[in-house]
PDB file of N, CA and C in Angstrom:
ATOM      1  N   MET A   1     122.166   4.173-105.705  1.00  0.00           N
ATOM      2  CA  MET A   1     120.779   4.228-106.106  1.00  0.00           C
ATOM      3  C   MET A   1     119.930   3.440-105.113  1.00  0.00           C
ATOM      4  N   THR A   2     118.773   3.957-104.839  1.00  0.00           N
ATOM      5  CA  THR A   2     117.844   3.296-103.918  1.00  0.00           C
ATOM      6  C   THR A   2     116.589   2.870-104.661  1.00  0.00           C
ATOM      7  N   ILE A   3     115.813   2.050-103.998  1.00  0.00           N
ATOM      8  CA  ILE A   3     114.494   1.673-104.467  1.00  0.00           C
ATOM      9  C   ILE A   3     113.547   1.907-103.289  1.00  0.00           C
ATOM     10  N   TRP A   4     112.326   2.328-103.570  1.00  0.00           N
ATOM     11  CA  TRP A   4     111.342   2.565-102.512  1.00  0.00           C
ATOM     12  C   TRP A   4     110.603   1.273-102.223  1.00  0.00           C
ATOM     13  N   LEU A   5     110.519   0.937-100.945  1.00  0.00           N
ATOM     14  CA  LEU A   5     109.870  -0.280-100.477  1.00  0.00           C
ATOM     15  C   LEU A   5     108.612   0.080 -99.703  1.00  0.00           C
ATOM     16  N   ALA A   6     107.503  -0.531-100.083  1.00  0.00           N
ATOM     17  CA  ALA A   6     106.243  -0.343 -99.362  1.00  0.00           C
ATOM     18  C   ALA A   6     105.844  -1.663 -98.709  1.00  0.00           C
ATOM     19  N   THR A   7     105.575  -1.585 -97.400  1.00  0.00           N
ATOM     20  CA  THR A   7     105.059  -2.718 -96.643  1.00  0.00           C
ATOM     21  C   THR A   7     103.790  -2.248 -95.938  1.00  0.00           C
ATOM     22  N   VAL A   8     103.120  -3.183 -95.272  1.00  0.00           N
ATOM     23  CA  VAL A   8     101.862  -2.849 -94.598  1.00  0.00           C
ATOM     24  C   VAL A   8     101.977  -3.163 -93.112  1.00  0.00           C
ATOM     25  N   ARG A   9     101.635  -2.166 -92.284  1.00  0.00           N
ATOM     26  CA  ARG A   9     101.642  -2.345 -90.831  1.00  0.00           C
ATOM     27  C   ARG A   9     100.489  -3.260 -90.403  1.00  0.00           C
ATOM     28  N   PHE A  10     100.534  -3.721 -89.159  1.00  0.00           N
ATOM     29  CA  PHE A  10      99.517  -4.641 -88.640  1.00  0.00           C
ATOM     30  C   PHE A  10      98.111  -4.057 -88.712  1.00  0.00           C
ATOM     31  N   ASP A  11      98.005  -2.710 -88.655  1.00  0.00           N
ATOM     32  CA  ASP A  11      96.686  -2.074 -88.678  1.00  0.00           C
ATOM     33  C   ASP A  11      96.271  -1.639 -90.082  1.00  0.00           C
ATOM     34  N   GLY A  12      97.040  -2.029 -91.094  1.00  0.00           N
ATOM     35  CA  GLY A  12      96.684  -1.729 -92.478  1.00  0.00           C
ATOM     36  C   GLY A  12      97.303  -0.468 -93.047  1.00  0.00           C
ATOM     37  N   ARG A  13      97.964   0.337 -92.204  1.00  0.00           N
ATOM     38  CA  ARG A  13      98.594   1.561 -92.710  1.00  0.00           C
ATOM     39  C   ARG A  13      99.853   1.212 -93.498  1.00  0.00           C
ATOM     40  N   PRO A  14     100.110   1.944 -94.587  1.00  0.00           N
ATOM     41  CA  PRO A  14     101.317   1.677 -95.374  1.00  0.00           C
ATOM     42  C   PRO A  14     102.562   2.217 -94.688  1.00  0.00           C
ATOM     43  N   HIS A  15     103.681   1.603 -95.005  1.00  0.00           N
ATOM     44  CA  HIS A  15     104.995   2.038 -94.518  1.00  0.00           C
ATOM     45  C   HIS A  15     105.901   2.081 -95.747  1.00  0.00           C
ATOM     46  N   LEU A  16     106.471   3.250 -96.055  1.00  0.00           N
ATOM     47  CA  LEU A  16     107.254   3.455 -97.270  1.00  0.00           C
ATOM     48  C   LEU A  16     108.637   3.971 -96.905  1.00  0.00           C
ATOM     49  N   VAL A  17     109.687   3.269 -97.374  1.00  0.00           N
ATOM     50  CA  VAL A  17     111.065   3.661 -97.062  1.00  0.00           C
ATOM     51  C   VAL A  17     111.974   3.375 -98.260  1.00  0.00           C
ATOM     52  N   PRO A  18     113.042   4.180 -98.405  1.00  0.00           N
ATOM     53  CA  PRO A  18     114.040   3.868 -99.432  1.00  0.00           C
ATOM     54  C   PRO A  18     115.036   2.841 -98.887  1.00  0.00           C
ATOM     55  N   VAL A  19     115.468   1.929 -99.748  1.00  0.00           N
ATOM     56  CA  VAL A  19     116.474   0.942 -99.355  1.00  0.00           C
ATOM     57  C   VAL A  19     117.488   0.779-100.482  1.00  0.00           C
ATOM     58  N   TRP A  20     118.721   0.455-100.101  1.00  0.00           N
ATOM     59  CA  TRP A  20     119.712   0.046-101.093  1.00  0.00           C
ATOM     60  C   TRP A  20     119.320  -1.347-101.566  1.00  0.00           C
ATOM     61  N   TYR A  21     119.578  -1.643-102.840  1.00  0.00           N
ATOM     62  CA  TYR A  21     119.126  -2.927-103.373  1.00  0.00           C
ATOM     63  C   TYR A  21     120.088  -3.470-104.426  1.00  0.00           C
ATOM     64  N   ILE A  22     119.932  -4.750-104.691  1.00  0.00           N
ATOM     65  CA  ILE A  22     120.621  -5.444-105.776  1.00  0.00           C
ATOM     66  C   ILE A  22     119.563  -6.225-106.546  1.00  0.00           C
ATOM     67  N   TRP A  23     119.603  -6.116-107.875  1.00  0.00           N
ATOM     68  CA  TRP A  23     118.755  -6.942-108.746  1.00  0.00           C
ATOM     69  C   TRP A  23     119.660  -8.038-109.284  1.00  0.00           C
ATOM     70  N   LEU A  24     119.333  -9.295-109.019  1.00  0.00           N
ATOM     71  CA  LEU A  24     120.172 -10.402-109.461  1.00  0.00           C
ATOM     72  C   LEU A  24     119.301 -11.616-109.758  1.00  0.00           C
ATOM     73  N   ASP A  25     119.476 -12.167-110.941  1.00  0.00           N
ATOM     74  CA  ASP A  25     118.772 -13.386-111.351  1.00  0.00           C
ATOM     75  C   ASP A  25     117.261 -13.274-111.169  1.00  0.00           C
ATOM     76  N   GLY A  26     116.713 -12.115-111.531  1.00  0.00           N
ATOM     77  CA  GLY A  26     115.271 -11.927-111.500  1.00  0.00           C
ATOM     78  C   GLY A  26     114.684 -11.675-110.125  1.00  0.00           C
ATOM     79  N   LYS A  27     115.533 -11.423-109.137  1.00  0.00           N
ATOM     80  CA  LYS A  27     115.050 -11.133-107.786  1.00  0.00           C
ATOM     81  C   LYS A  27     115.683  -9.850-107.278  1.00  0.00           C
ATOM     82  N   ILE A  28     115.037  -9.244-106.299  1.00  0.00           N
ATOM     83  CA  ILE A  28     115.541  -8.024-105.675  1.00  0.00           C
ATOM     84  C   ILE A  28     115.956  -8.373-104.253  1.00  0.00           C
ATOM     85  N   TYR A  29     117.116  -7.843-103.860  1.00  0.00           N
ATOM     86  CA  TYR A  29     117.641  -8.091-102.523  1.00  0.00           C
ATOM     87  C   TYR A  29     117.917  -6.770-101.830  1.00  0.00           C
ATOM     88  N   PHE A  30     117.613  -6.709-100.548  1.00  0.00           N
ATOM     89  CA  PHE A  30     117.990  -5.562 -99.727  1.00  0.00           C
ATOM     90  C   PHE A  30     118.225  -6.056 -98.306  1.00  0.00           C
ATOM     91  N   ALA A  31     119.002  -5.291 -97.565  1.00  0.00           N
ATOM     92  CA  ALA A  31     119.290  -5.642 -96.173  1.00  0.00           C
ATOM     93  C   ALA A  31     118.522  -4.702 -95.256  1.00  0.00           C
ATOM     94  N   THR A  32     118.063  -5.246 -94.148  1.00  0.00           N
ATOM     95  CA  THR A  32     117.362  -4.435 -93.158  1.00  0.00           C
ATOM     96  C   THR A  32     117.627  -5.001 -91.769  1.00  0.00           C
ATOM     97  N   GLY A  33     117.538  -4.154 -90.794  1.00  0.00           N
ATOM     98  CA  GLY A  33     117.698  -4.602 -89.419  1.00  0.00           C
ATOM     99  C   GLY A  33     116.484  -5.389 -88.966  1.00  0.00           C
ATOM    100  N   SER A  34     116.715  -6.382 -88.123  1.00  0.00           N
ATOM    101  CA  SER A  34     115.597  -7.192 -87.632  1.00  0.00           C
ATOM    102  C   SER A  34     114.723  -6.429 -86.644  1.00  0.00           C
ATOM    103  N   ASP A  35     115.180  -5.244 -86.226  1.00  0.00           N
ATOM    104  CA  ASP A  35     114.411  -4.423 -85.289  1.00  0.00           C
ATOM    105  C   ASP A  35     113.671  -3.275 -85.975  1.00  0.00           C
ATOM    106  N   THR A  36     113.582  -3.296 -87.307  1.00  0.00           N
ATOM    107  CA  THR A  36     112.952  -2.195 -88.044  1.00  0.00           C
ATOM    108  C   THR A  36     111.463  -2.439 -88.269  1.00  0.00           C
ATOM    109  N   GLN A  37     110.752  -1.365 -88.563  1.00  0.00           N
ATOM    110  CA  GLN A  37     109.324  -1.470 -88.864  1.00  0.00           C
ATOM    111  C   GLN A  37     109.092  -2.307 -90.116  1.00  0.00           C
ATOM    112  N   LYS A  38     109.919  -2.106 -91.138  1.00  0.00           N
ATOM    113  CA  LYS A  38     109.712  -2.855 -92.380  1.00  0.00           C
ATOM    114  C   LYS A  38     109.887  -4.358 -92.163  1.00  0.00           C
ATOM    115  N   PHE A  39     110.874  -4.747 -91.348  1.00  0.00           N
ATOM    116  CA  PHE A  39     111.071  -6.176 -91.077  1.00  0.00           C
ATOM    117  C   PHE A  39     109.876  -6.736 -90.306  1.00  0.00           C
ATOM    118  N   THR A  40     109.413  -5.999 -89.314  1.00  0.00           N
ATOM    119  CA  THR A  40     108.231  -6.414 -88.549  1.00  0.00           C
ATOM    120  C   THR A  40     107.029  -6.579 -89.470  1.00  0.00           C
ATOM    121  N   ASN A  41     106.844  -5.619 -90.373  1.00  0.00           N
ATOM    122  CA  ASN A  41     105.723  -5.693 -91.313  1.00  0.00           C
ATOM    123  C   ASN A  41     105.830  -6.921 -92.214  1.00  0.00           C
ATOM    124  N   MET A  42     107.029  -7.176 -92.755  1.00  0.00           N
ATOM    125  CA  MET A  42     107.217  -8.309 -93.666  1.00  0.00           C
ATOM    126  C   MET A  42     107.104  -9.645 -92.943  1.00  0.00           C
ATOM    127  N   TYR A  43     107.398  -9.666 -91.653  1.00  0.00           N
ATOM    128  CA  TYR A  43     107.243 -10.886 -90.865  1.00  0.00           C
ATOM    129  C   TYR A  43     105.769 -11.299 -90.824  1.00  0.00           C
ATOM    130  N   ARG A  44     104.892 -10.305 -90.738  1.00  0.00           N
ATOM    131  CA  ARG A  44     103.445 -10.556 -90.681  1.00  0.00           C
ATOM    132  C   ARG A  44     102.827 -10.739 -92.061  1.00  0.00           C
ATOM    133  N   ASN A  45     103.327  -9.964 -93.041  1.00  0.00           N
ATOM    134  CA  ASN A  45     102.733  -9.944 -94.381  1.00  0.00           C
ATOM    135  C   ASN A  45     103.870  -9.827 -95.392  1.00  0.00           C
ATOM    136  N   GLN A  46     104.120 -10.872 -96.131  1.00  0.00           N
ATOM    137  CA  GLN A  46     105.253 -10.922 -97.045  1.00  0.00           C
ATOM    138  C   GLN A  46     105.026 -10.173 -98.359  1.00  0.00           C
ATOM    139  N   SER A  47     103.831  -9.669 -98.590  1.00  0.00           N
ATOM    140  CA  SER A  47     103.550  -8.915 -99.815  1.00  0.00           C
ATOM    141  C   SER A  47     104.174  -7.528 -99.729  1.00  0.00           C
ATOM    142  N   VAL A  48     104.941  -7.160-100.767  1.00  0.00           N
ATOM    143  CA  VAL A  48     105.602  -5.858-100.805  1.00  0.00           C
ATOM    144  C   VAL A  48     105.442  -5.244-102.190  1.00  0.00           C
ATOM    145  N   SER A  49     105.618  -3.931-102.255  1.00  0.00           N
ATOM    146  CA  SER A  49     105.725  -3.209-103.520  1.00  0.00           C
ATOM    147  C   SER A  49     107.019  -2.422-103.482  1.00  0.00           C
ATOM    148  N   LEU A  50     107.658  -2.307-104.642  1.00  0.00           N
ATOM    149  CA  LEU A  50     108.897  -1.546-104.766  1.00  0.00           C
ATOM    150  C   LEU A  50     108.786  -0.647-105.981  1.00  0.00           C
ATOM    151  N   SER A  51     109.455   0.499-105.932  1.00  0.00           N
ATOM    152  CA  SER A  51     109.432   1.427-107.057  1.00  0.00           C
ATOM    153  C   SER A  51     110.767   2.148-107.150  1.00  0.00           C
ATOM    154  N   LEU A  52     111.272   2.243-108.369  1.00  0.00           N
ATOM    155  CA  LEU A  52     112.479   3.035-108.591  1.00  0.00           C
ATOM    156  C   LEU A  52     112.121   4.508-108.491  1.00  0.00           C
ATOM    157  N   PRO A  53     113.064   5.360-108.070  1.00  0.00           N
ATOM    158  CA  PRO A  53     112.753   6.772-107.825  1.00  0.00           C
ATOM    159  C   PRO A  53     112.639   7.637-109.078  1.00  0.00           C
ATOM    160  N   ASP A  54     112.956   7.116-110.251  1.00  0.00           N
ATOM    161  CA  ASP A  54     112.915   7.898-111.488  1.00  0.00           C
ATOM    162  C   ASP A  54     111.465   8.164-111.898  1.00  0.00           C
ATOM    163  N   THR A  55     111.063   9.422-111.924  1.00  0.00           N
ATOM    164  CA  THR A  55     109.675   9.762-112.266  1.00  0.00           C
ATOM    165  C   THR A  55     109.434   9.821-113.768  1.00  0.00           C
ATOM    166  N   ASP A  56     110.481   9.760-114.577  1.00  0.00           N
ATOM    167  CA  ASP A  56     110.321   9.756-116.031  1.00  0.00           C
ATOM    168  C   ASP A  56     110.217   8.347-116.598  1.00  0.00           C
ATOM    169  N   SER A  57     110.866   7.406-115.982  1.00  0.00           N
ATOM    170  CA  SER A  57     110.825   5.999-116.396  1.00  0.00           C
ATOM    171  C   SER A  57     110.436   5.176-115.173  1.00  0.00           C
ATOM    172  N   VAL A  58     109.155   5.080-114.945  1.00  0.00           N
ATOM    173  CA  VAL A  58     108.633   4.472-113.721  1.00  0.00           C
ATOM    174  C   VAL A  58     108.626   2.946-113.832  1.00  0.00           C
ATOM    175  N   VAL A  59     109.093   2.300-112.779  1.00  0.00           N
ATOM    176  CA  VAL A  59     109.028   0.847-112.651  1.00  0.00           C
ATOM    177  C   VAL A  59     108.431   0.545-111.284  1.00  0.00           C
ATOM    178  N   ILE A  60     107.347  -0.224-111.272  1.00  0.00           N
ATOM    179  CA  ILE A  60     106.707  -0.644-110.027  1.00  0.00           C
ATOM    180  C   ILE A  60     106.703  -2.166-109.999  1.00  0.00           C
ATOM    181  N   ILE A  61     107.159  -2.715-108.892  1.00  0.00           N
ATOM    182  CA  ILE A  61     107.298  -4.163-108.746  1.00  0.00           C
ATOM    183  C   ILE A  61     106.477  -4.615-107.549  1.00  0.00           C
ATOM    184  N   GLU A  62     105.676  -5.644-107.747  1.00  0.00           N
ATOM    185  CA  GLU A  62     104.964  -6.278-106.644  1.00  0.00           C
ATOM    186  C   GLU A  62     105.543  -7.669-106.468  1.00  0.00           C
ATOM    187  N   GLY A  63     105.736  -8.067-105.224  1.00  0.00           N
ATOM    188  CA  GLY A  63     106.330  -9.374-104.999  1.00  0.00           C
ATOM    189  C   GLY A  63     106.149  -9.866-103.588  1.00  0.00           C
ATOM    190  N   GLU A  64     106.823 -10.978-103.322  1.00  0.00           N
ATOM    191  CA  GLU A  64     106.767 -11.605-102.010  1.00  0.00           C
ATOM    192  C   GLU A  64     108.170 -11.626-101.416  1.00  0.00           C
ATOM    193  N   ALA A  65     108.288 -11.189-100.168  1.00  0.00           N
ATOM    194  CA  ALA A  65     109.581 -11.049 -99.499  1.00  0.00           C
ATOM    195  C   ALA A  65     109.804 -12.156 -98.479  1.00  0.00           C
ATOM    196  N   HIS A  66     111.037 -12.649 -98.453  1.00  0.00           N
ATOM    197  CA  HIS A  66     111.446 -13.659 -97.474  1.00  0.00           C
ATOM    198  C   HIS A  66     112.891 -13.406 -97.081  1.00  0.00           C
ATOM    199  N   VAL A  67     113.285 -13.873 -95.928  1.00  0.00           N
ATOM    200  CA  VAL A  67     114.686 -13.806 -95.520  1.00  0.00           C
ATOM    201  C   VAL A  67     115.469 -14.769 -96.411  1.00  0.00           C
ATOM    202  N   ALA A  68     116.576 -14.279 -96.976  1.00  0.00           N
ATOM    203  CA  ALA A  68     117.399 -15.092 -97.877  1.00  0.00           C
ATOM    204  C   ALA A  68     118.165 -16.156 -97.101  1.00  0.00           C
ATOM    205  N   ASP A  69     118.493 -17.253 -97.783  1.00  0.00           N
ATOM    206  CA  ASP A  69     119.264 -18.316 -97.134  1.00  0.00           C
ATOM    207  C   ASP A  69     120.729 -17.911 -96.986  1.00  0.00           C
ATOM    208  N   ARG A  70     121.446 -18.635 -96.151  1.00  0.00           N
ATOM    209  CA  ARG A  70     122.826 -18.272 -95.791  1.00  0.00           C
ATOM    210  C   ARG A  70     123.753 -18.211 -97.006  1.00  0.00           C
ATOM    211  N   GLY A  71     123.629 -19.128 -97.940  1.00  0.00           N
ATOM    212  CA  GLY A  71     124.472 -19.112 -99.129  1.00  0.00           C
ATOM    213  C   GLY A  71     124.267 -17.863 -99.957  1.00  0.00           C
ATOM    214  N   THR A  72     123.047 -17.415-100.046  1.00  0.00           N
ATOM    215  CA  THR A  72     122.729 -16.196-100.785  1.00  0.00           C
ATOM    216  C   THR A  72     123.312 -14.975-100.089  1.00  0.00           C
ATOM    217  N   VAL A  73     123.315 -14.982 -98.766  1.00  0.00           N
ATOM    218  CA  VAL A  73     123.852 -13.850 -97.998  1.00  0.00           C
ATOM    219  C   VAL A  73     125.301 -13.590 -98.378  1.00  0.00           C
ATOM    220  N   ASP A  74     126.112 -14.628 -98.423  1.00  0.00           N
ATOM    221  CA  ASP A  74     127.530 -14.449 -98.737  1.00  0.00           C
ATOM    222  C   ASP A  74     127.742 -13.928-100.155  1.00  0.00           C
ATOM    223  N   VAL A  75     126.989 -14.430-101.102  1.00  0.00           N
ATOM    224  CA  VAL A  75     127.104 -13.962-102.490  1.00  0.00           C
ATOM    225  C   VAL A  75     126.675 -12.503-102.598  1.00  0.00           C
ATOM    226  N   LEU A  76     125.525 -12.172-102.029  1.00  0.00           N
ATOM    227  CA  LEU A  76     124.986 -10.817-102.161  1.00  0.00           C
ATOM    228  C   LEU A  76     125.781  -9.789-101.386  1.00  0.00           C
ATOM    229  N   ALA A  77     126.422 -10.177-100.306  1.00  0.00           N
ATOM    230  CA  ALA A  77     127.237  -9.226 -99.544  1.00  0.00           C
ATOM    231  C   ALA A  77     128.323  -8.637-100.432  1.00  0.00           C
ATOM    232  N   ASP A  78     128.900  -9.443-101.304  1.00  0.00           N
ATOM    233  CA  ASP A  78     129.917  -8.938-102.235  1.00  0.00           C
ATOM    234  C   ASP A  78     129.317  -7.938-103.219  1.00  0.00           C
ATOM    235  N   TYR A  79     128.129  -8.214-103.721  1.00  0.00           N
ATOM    236  CA  TYR A  79     127.456  -7.281-104.630  1.00  0.00           C
ATOM    237  C   TYR A  79     127.176  -5.949-103.935  1.00  0.00           C
ATOM    238  N   PHE A  80     126.690  -6.028-102.702  1.00  0.00           N
ATOM    239  CA  PHE A  80     126.424  -4.796-101.950  1.00  0.00           C
ATOM    240  C   PHE A  80     127.705  -4.002-101.737  1.00  0.00           C
ATOM    241  N   TYR A  81     128.793  -4.695-101.438  1.00  0.00           N
ATOM    242  CA  TYR A  81     130.047  -3.987-101.206  1.00  0.00           C
ATOM    243  C   TYR A  81     130.521  -3.280-102.477  1.00  0.00           C
ATOM    244  N   HIS A  82     130.422  -3.958-103.612  1.00  0.00           N
ATOM    245  CA  HIS A  82     130.890  -3.347-104.862  1.00  0.00           C
ATOM    246  C   HIS A  82     130.002  -2.189-105.309  1.00  0.00           C
ATOM    247  N   LYS A  83     128.723  -2.253-105.002  1.00  0.00           N
ATOM    248  CA  LYS A  83     127.805  -1.179-105.411  1.00  0.00           C
ATOM    249  C   LYS A  83     127.784  -0.026-104.413  1.00  0.00           C
ATOM    250  N   TYR A  84     127.813  -0.324-103.116  1.00  0.00           N
ATOM    251  CA  TYR A  84     127.616   0.692-102.076  1.00  0.00           C
ATOM    252  C   TYR A  84     128.805   0.858-101.124  1.00  0.00           C
ATOM    253  N   GLU A  85     129.857   0.055-101.300  1.00  0.00           N
ATOM    254  CA  GLU A  85     131.003   0.053-100.383  1.00  0.00           C
ATOM    255  C   GLU A  85     130.549  -0.182 -98.939  1.00  0.00           C
ATOM    256  N   TRP A  86     129.684  -1.170 -98.780  1.00  0.00           N
ATOM    257  CA  TRP A  86     129.112  -1.506 -97.472  1.00  0.00           C
ATOM    258  C   TRP A  86     128.926  -3.017 -97.398  1.00  0.00           C
ATOM    259  N   ASP A  87     129.389  -3.608 -96.312  1.00  0.00           N
ATOM    260  CA  ASP A  87     129.235  -5.044 -96.096  1.00  0.00           C
ATOM    261  C   ASP A  87     128.441  -5.253 -94.811  1.00  0.00           C
ATOM    262  N   PHE A  88     127.172  -5.579 -94.980  1.00  0.00           N
ATOM    263  CA  PHE A  88     126.286  -5.711 -93.821  1.00  0.00           C
ATOM    264  C   PHE A  88     126.708  -6.843 -92.891  1.00  0.00           C
ATOM    265  N   ARG A  89     127.530  -7.783 -93.374  1.00  0.00           N
ATOM    266  CA  ARG A  89     127.991  -8.876 -92.502  1.00  0.00           C
ATOM    267  C   ARG A  89     128.892  -8.367 -91.381  1.00  0.00           C
ATOM    268  N   TYR A  90     129.547  -7.224 -91.611  1.00  0.00           N
ATOM    269  CA  TYR A  90     130.487  -6.690 -90.624  1.00  0.00           C
ATOM    270  C   TYR A  90     130.016  -5.382 -89.999  1.00  0.00           C
ATOM    271  N   ASP A  91     128.779  -5.004 -90.241  1.00  0.00           N
ATOM    272  CA  ASP A  91     128.197  -3.795 -89.653  1.00  0.00           C
ATOM    273  C   ASP A  91     127.470  -4.206 -88.374  1.00  0.00           C
ATOM    274  N   ASP A  92     128.009  -3.821 -87.232  1.00  0.00           N
ATOM    275  CA  ASP A  92     127.453  -4.232 -85.941  1.00  0.00           C
ATOM    276  C   ASP A  92     126.387  -3.280 -85.394  1.00  0.00           C
ATOM    277  N   SER A  93     125.907  -2.356 -86.206  1.00  0.00           N
ATOM    278  CA  SER A  93     124.937  -1.380 -85.707  1.00  0.00           C
ATOM    279  C   SER A  93     123.568  -1.998 -85.427  1.00  0.00           C
ATOM    280  N   THR A  94     123.296  -3.163 -86.019  1.00  0.00           N
ATOM    281  CA  THR A  94     122.043  -3.875 -85.777  1.00  0.00           C
ATOM    282  C   THR A  94     122.233  -5.316 -86.221  1.00  0.00           C
ATOM    283  N   THR A  95     121.223  -6.148 -86.046  1.00  0.00           N
ATOM    284  CA  THR A  95     121.240  -7.504 -86.582  1.00  0.00           C
ATOM    285  C   THR A  95     120.625  -7.442 -87.972  1.00  0.00           C
ATOM    286  N   TRP A  96     121.469  -7.544 -88.984  1.00  0.00           N
ATOM    287  CA  TRP A  96     121.019  -7.384 -90.362  1.00  0.00           C
ATOM    288  C   TRP A  96     120.417  -8.671 -90.902  1.00  0.00           C
ATOM    289  N   ARG A  97     119.390  -8.523 -91.709  1.00  0.00           N
ATOM    290  CA  ARG A  97     118.770  -9.633 -92.427  1.00  0.00           C
ATOM    291  C   ARG A  97     118.744  -9.268 -93.909  1.00  0.00           C
ATOM    292  N   LEU A  98     119.151 -10.209 -94.742  1.00  0.00           N
ATOM    293  CA  LEU A  98     119.063 -10.016 -96.185  1.00  0.00           C
ATOM    294  C   LEU A  98     117.696 -10.504 -96.633  1.00  0.00           C
ATOM    295  N   ILE A  99     116.967  -9.636 -97.306  1.00  0.00           N
ATOM    296  CA  ILE A  99     115.621  -9.956 -97.772  1.00  0.00           C
ATOM    297  C   ILE A  99     115.656 -10.205 -99.270  1.00  0.00           C
ATOM    298  N   GLU A 100     114.993 -11.267 -99.692  1.00  0.00           N
ATOM    299  CA  GLU A 100     114.886 -11.636-101.101  1.00  0.00           C
ATOM    300  C   GLU A 100     113.439 -11.440-101.533  1.00  0.00           C
ATOM    301  N   VAL A 101     113.239 -10.647-102.578  1.00  0.00           N
ATOM    302  CA  VAL A 101     111.894 -10.411-103.101  1.00  0.00           C
ATOM    303  C   VAL A 101     111.762 -11.105-104.449  1.00  0.00           C
ATOM    304  N   THR A 102     110.769 -11.963-104.552  1.00  0.00           N
ATOM    305  CA  THR A 102     110.451 -12.611-105.817  1.00  0.00           C
ATOM    306  C   THR A 102     109.302 -11.838-106.461  1.00  0.00           C
ATOM    307  N   PRO A 103     109.570 -11.153-107.580  1.00  0.00           N
ATOM    308  CA  PRO A 103     108.513 -10.373-108.231  1.00  0.00           C
ATOM    309  C   PRO A 103     107.459 -11.278-108.870  1.00  0.00           C
ATOM    310  N   PHE A 104     106.194 -10.871-108.768  1.00  0.00           N
ATOM    311  CA  PHE A 104     105.143 -11.558-109.511  1.00  0.00           C
ATOM    312  C   PHE A 104     104.416 -10.610-110.455  1.00  0.00           C
ATOM    313  N   LYS A 105     104.716  -9.307-110.351  1.00  0.00           N
ATOM    314  CA  LYS A 105     104.109  -8.327-111.247  1.00  0.00           C
ATOM    315  C   LYS A 105     105.063  -7.142-111.373  1.00  0.00           C
ATOM    316  N   ILE A 106     105.323  -6.724-112.620  1.00  0.00           N
ATOM    317  CA  ILE A 106     106.156  -5.549-112.881  1.00  0.00           C
ATOM    318  C   ILE A 106     105.418  -4.658-113.870  1.00  0.00           C
ATOM    319  N   LEU A 107     105.256  -3.389-113.506  1.00  0.00           N
ATOM    320  CA  LEU A 107     104.606  -2.400-114.367  1.00  0.00           C
ATOM    321  C   LEU A 107     105.613  -1.316-114.718  1.00  0.00           C
ATOM    322  N   VAL A 108     105.543  -0.816-115.962  1.00  0.00           N
ATOM    323  CA  VAL A 108     106.448   0.255-116.387  1.00  0.00           C
ATOM    324  C   VAL A 108     105.657   1.369-117.059  1.00  0.00           C
ATOM    325  N   TRP A 109     106.160   2.585-116.905  1.00  0.00           N
ATOM    326  CA  TRP A 109     105.647   3.772-117.576  1.00  0.00           C
ATOM    327  C   TRP A 109     106.840   4.510-118.164  1.00  0.00           C
ATOM    328  N   GLY A 110     106.598   5.244-119.248  1.00  0.00           N
ATOM    329  CA  GLY A 110     107.630   6.125-119.772  1.00  0.00           C
ATOM    330  C   GLY A 110     108.790   5.401-120.403  1.00  0.00           C
ATOM    331  N   ASP A 111     108.511   4.290-121.101  1.00  0.00           N
ATOM    332  CA  ASP A 111     109.602   3.558-121.730  1.00  0.00           C
ATOM    333  C   ASP A 111     110.058   4.192-123.041  1.00  0.00           C
ATOM    334  N   GLY A 112     109.311   5.188-123.536  1.00  0.00           N
ATOM    335  CA  GLY A 112     109.713   5.905-124.735  1.00  0.00           C
ATOM    336  C   GLY A 112     109.273   5.267-126.036  1.00  0.00           C
ATOM    337  N   TYR A 113     108.644   4.105-126.000  1.00  0.00           N
ATOM    338  CA  TYR A 113     108.264   3.420-127.227  1.00  0.00           C
ATOM    339  C   TYR A 113     106.845   3.728-127.681  1.00  0.00           C
ATOM    340  N   ASP A 114     105.978   4.070-126.767  1.00  0.00           N
ATOM    341  CA  ASP A 114     104.603   4.385-127.142  1.00  0.00           C
ATOM    342  C   ASP A 114     103.967   5.221-126.040  1.00  0.00           C
ATOM    343  N   GLU A 115     102.719   5.534-126.221  1.00  0.00           N
ATOM    344  CA  GLU A 115     102.020   6.408-125.275  1.00  0.00           C
ATOM    345  C   GLU A 115     101.257   5.645-124.197  1.00  0.00           C
ATOM    346  N   MET A 116     101.326   4.332-124.212  1.00  0.00           N
ATOM    347  CA  MET A 116     100.585   3.548-123.224  1.00  0.00           C
ATOM    348  C   MET A 116     101.197   3.715-121.842  1.00  0.00           C
ATOM    349  N   GLU A 117     100.357   3.648-120.828  1.00  0.00           N
ATOM    350  CA  GLU A 117     100.826   3.746-119.450  1.00  0.00           C
ATOM    351  C   GLU A 117     100.532   2.455-118.716  1.00  0.00           C
ATOM    352  N   GLY A 118     101.344   2.160-117.750  1.00  0.00           N
ATOM    353  CA  GLY A 118     101.111   0.992-116.913  1.00  0.00           C
ATOM    354  C   GLY A 118     101.224  -0.320-117.658  1.00  0.00           C
ATOM    355  N   ILE A 119     102.221  -0.447-118.509  1.00  0.00           N
ATOM    356  CA  ILE A 119     102.407  -1.671-119.268  1.00  0.00           C
ATOM    357  C   ILE A 119     102.928  -2.757-118.332  1.00  0.00           C
ATOM    358  N   ARG A 120     102.235  -3.871-118.318  1.00  0.00           N
ATOM    359  CA  ARG A 120     102.676  -4.985-117.474  1.00  0.00           C
ATOM    360  C   ARG A 120     103.710  -5.801-118.242  1.00  0.00           C
ATOM    361  N   VAL A 121     104.903  -5.939-117.672  1.00  0.00           N
ATOM    362  CA  VAL A 121     105.964  -6.695-118.329  1.00  0.00           C
ATOM    363  C   VAL A 121     106.221  -8.043-117.652  1.00  0.00           C
ATOM    364  N   LEU A 122     105.614  -8.263-116.519  1.00  0.00           N
ATOM    365  CA  LEU A 122     105.686  -9.564-115.841  1.00  0.00           C
ATOM    366  C   LEU A 122     104.400  -9.768-115.085  1.00  0.00           C
TER     367      LEU A 122
END
């Protein structure tokens, strides 16, 4: 399963890409190459938006992204391996960085309990 990540380019244009992710202890983690557009964007502007791809049960998350510390990298690498059978620590295709997103706003639609849209849950 992927989550869609939105970042902002230096000129204000949006950049939207799917990424593999882990939700753990109230934070979202994903790995990206240090040579990617999304990493460049987050280096300049740490504000990000994420959205799950399910159009029936929509979840939109706004948060702040930072490179995770070394201890977190080792813990999360195991989670990524168990979920995706991929260990970014041993993938030499690029210089991988683990990104940690701290959510400050979460919106949901289509939870099945009522007809309201855009319910803020955080």
